[in-house]
Amino acid sequence: MMRVENDILVPEFAEWLSKEKQVYFTPSGVSMRPFIEGDKDSVTLVAMDRAPQRGDIVLALVKASNGNKTYVLHRLVRIENHQSSIIYVLQGDGNLSGEEICRREDIIGRVVAIDTPQGRRKRLTRGFLWHRLFPLRRYLLKIYRHTWLKWNYK
């Protein structure tokens, strides 16, 4: 598998999405477990053709904790009014802490499909129940890693 740096790839995604094309790619990392398994599942991304909604999985440019800008594929967990502007709060489903903040213009696209390597399409959930289970996520993710992954991603 060939890896391309996000700083090179994501601007190309934005260009394709601006021309009303879809982008199909395999994200890396574990921050969206259990809904997206990095380096295995693939996602289909479309342009934000409507206002972002709580529960959307979006690709966005955010400021990292070290001050640098970085791209994340995370779920929109809250929309807040902040000093007469709207900010979008993102968090990875597999993250036990930390949130990212972005503006509307920082959102590049939203996920409309998730496919497994076996060709099955995963159900695209809004993640509301998962978000409410936040105190239990640590244990649920451990069970997921030690059972589901071993059975389904051999």
Protein backbone atom coordinates (compact mmCIF):
# COMPACT_ATOMS: atom_id res chain seq x y z
CA MET A 1 0.00 0.00 0.00
CA MET A 2 1.36 3.40 -0.96
CA ARG A 3 0.99 6.25 1.53
CA VAL A 4 0.66 9.86 0.44
CA GLU A 5 1.06 12.71 2.92
CA ASN A 6 -2.15 14.50 3.88
CA ASP A 7 -0.68 17.89 2.95
CA ILE A 8 -0.40 16.65 -0.63
CA LEU A 9 -3.51 14.49 -0.87
CA VAL A 10 -6.20 16.51 0.91
CA PRO A 11 -5.89 19.66 -1.25
CA GLU A 12 -6.41 17.35 -4.25
CA PHE A 13 -9.51 15.93 -2.53
CA ALA A 14 -10.82 19.47 -2.05
CA GLU A 15 -10.27 20.20 -5.75
CA TRP A 16 -12.14 17.06 -6.83
CA LEU A 17 -14.98 17.70 -4.39
CA SER A 18 -15.34 21.28 -5.68
CA LYS A 19 -16.04 19.73 -9.10
CA GLU A 20 -18.87 17.63 -7.59
CA LYS A 21 -16.85 14.43 -7.70
CA GLN A 22 -16.68 11.83 -4.94
CA VAL A 23 -13.43 10.78 -3.31
CA TYR A 24 -12.82 7.17 -2.25
CA PHE A 25 -9.84 6.51 0.03
CA THR A 26 -8.53 4.42 2.91
CA PRO A 27 -7.86 6.53 6.00
CA SER A 28 -5.14 5.60 8.47
CA GLY A 29 -5.14 5.61 12.27
CA VAL A 30 -7.46 4.27 14.95
CA SER A 31 -9.23 7.45 16.06
CA MET A 32 -12.53 6.46 14.41
CA ARG A 33 -12.78 2.93 15.83
CA PRO A 34 -15.07 1.06 15.86
CA PHE A 35 -16.90 2.71 12.94
CA ILE A 36 -13.89 3.14 10.64
CA GLU A 37 -10.93 0.78 10.95
CA GLY A 38 -7.82 2.65 9.76
CA ASP A 39 -5.73 1.13 6.96
CA LYS A 40 -8.52 -1.38 6.30
CA ASP A 41 -11.89 0.28 5.71
CA SER A 42 -12.40 2.75 2.88
CA VAL A 43 -14.64 5.80 2.91
CA THR A 44 -16.48 7.76 0.25
CA LEU A 45 -16.33 11.51 0.72
CA VAL A 46 -18.56 14.15 -0.87
CA ALA A 47 -18.55 17.94 -0.74
CA MET A 48 -20.53 19.59 2.04
CA ASP A 49 -23.68 20.16 -0.01
CA ARG A 50 -25.63 21.14 3.11
CA ALA A 51 -24.94 22.63 6.52
CA PRO A 52 -22.84 20.31 8.70
CA GLN A 53 -24.97 18.39 11.20
CA ARG A 54 -24.18 16.80 14.52
CA GLY A 55 -23.22 13.18 13.87
CA ASP A 56 -21.63 13.80 10.44
CA ILE A 57 -18.19 12.30 9.88
CA VAL A 58 -16.17 15.06 8.22
CA LEU A 59 -12.71 15.67 6.85
CA ALA A 60 -11.51 18.99 8.25
CA LEU A 61 -8.45 21.12 8.78
CA VAL A 62 -7.96 21.74 12.52
CA LYS A 63 -5.32 23.24 14.77
CA ALA A 64 -3.37 20.49 16.56
CA SER A 65 -2.32 20.72 20.21
CA ASN A 66 1.19 21.78 19.10
CA GLY A 67 -0.29 24.73 17.16
CA ASN A 68 0.21 23.24 13.70
CA LYS A 69 -2.69 22.68 11.33
CA THR A 70 -3.58 19.07 10.56
CA TYR A 71 -6.31 17.16 8.76
CA VAL A 72 -8.67 14.86 10.68
CA LEU A 73 -11.51 12.56 9.70
CA HIS A 74 -13.69 12.83 12.82
CA ARG A 75 -17.30 13.05 13.90
CA LEU A 76 -19.03 16.38 14.47
CA VAL A 77 -20.15 16.16 18.10
CA ARG A 78 -21.29 19.73 18.81
CA ILE A 79 -22.11 22.96 17.06
CA GLU A 80 -21.57 26.07 19.18
CA ASN A 81 -22.09 29.80 18.80
CA HIS A 82 -18.88 31.50 19.79
CA GLN A 83 -18.47 35.28 19.63
CA SER A 84 -21.00 35.75 16.82
CA SER A 85 -19.61 32.88 14.76
CA ILE A 86 -20.36 29.18 14.60
CA ILE A 87 -17.69 26.67 15.55
CA TYR A 88 -17.79 22.94 14.95
CA VAL A 89 -16.45 20.58 17.62
CA LEU A 90 -15.06 17.27 16.33
CA GLN A 91 -13.93 14.11 18.10
CA GLY A 92 -12.78 10.73 16.88
CA ASP A 93 -15.10 7.89 17.90
CA GLY A 94 -12.11 5.95 19.22
CA ASN A 95 -10.68 8.89 21.17
CA LEU A 96 -11.13 8.86 24.92
CA SER A 97 -10.16 12.52 25.29
CA GLY A 98 -9.55 15.57 23.20
CA GLU A 99 -11.69 17.49 20.77
CA GLU A 100 -10.85 19.59 17.74
CA ILE A 101 -12.48 22.85 16.73
CA CYS A 102 -12.95 24.15 13.22
CA ARG A 103 -14.98 26.64 11.21
CA ARG A 104 -17.31 25.87 8.32
CA GLU A 105 -14.70 26.82 5.75
CA ASP A 106 -12.27 24.30 7.29
CA ILE A 107 -14.60 21.38 6.55
CA ILE A 108 -13.57 19.78 3.27
CA GLY A 109 -16.19 17.06 2.92
CA ARG A 110 -18.36 14.49 4.66
CA VAL A 111 -18.38 10.71 4.63
CA VAL A 112 -21.36 9.10 2.89
CA ALA A 113 -20.18 5.47 2.85
CA ILE A 114 -17.81 3.15 4.70
CA ASP A 115 -16.69 -0.11 3.03
CA THR A 116 -14.77 -3.04 4.52
CA PRO A 117 -11.96 -4.86 2.69
CA GLN A 118 -14.39 -7.76 2.17
CA GLY A 119 -16.66 -5.47 0.17
CA ARG A 120 -19.36 -5.06 2.79
CA ARG A 121 -20.82 -1.61 3.30
CA LYS A 122 -20.97 -0.58 6.94
CA ARG A 123 -24.02 1.18 8.25
CA LEU A 124 -23.40 4.90 8.43
CA THR A 125 -24.53 5.84 11.92
CA ARG A 126 -24.81 9.26 13.47
CA GLY A 127 -22.94 7.95 16.54
CA PHE A 128 -25.33 9.52 19.06
CA LEU A 129 -25.54 6.40 21.23
CA TRP A 130 -21.78 5.87 21.01
CA HIS A 131 -21.20 9.47 22.12
CA ARG A 132 -23.53 8.98 25.11
CA LEU A 133 -21.58 5.85 26.08
CA PHE A 134 -18.44 7.97 26.54
CA PRO A 135 -17.73 6.75 30.12
CA LEU A 136 -17.82 3.13 28.90
CA ARG A 137 -15.90 3.58 25.64
CA ARG A 138 -12.56 2.53 27.12
CA TYR A 139 -13.99 -0.90 27.97
CA LEU A 140 -16.05 -1.24 24.79
CA LEU A 141 -13.02 -0.42 22.63
CA LYS A 142 -10.92 -2.98 24.50
CA ILE A 143 -13.55 -5.66 23.86
CA TYR A 144 -13.71 -4.56 20.21
CA ARG A 145 -9.91 -4.80 19.78
CA HIS A 146 -9.66 -8.23 21.39
CA THR A 147 -12.70 -9.89 19.79
CA TRP A 148 -14.34 -8.22 16.80
CA LEU A 149 -11.10 -7.20 15.08
CA LYS A 150 -9.63 -10.68 15.40
CA TRP A 151 -12.73 -12.29 13.91
CA ASN A 152 -13.40 -9.83 11.09
CA TYR A 153 -10.03 -8.37 9.99
CA LYS A 154 -7.75 -11.39 9.71
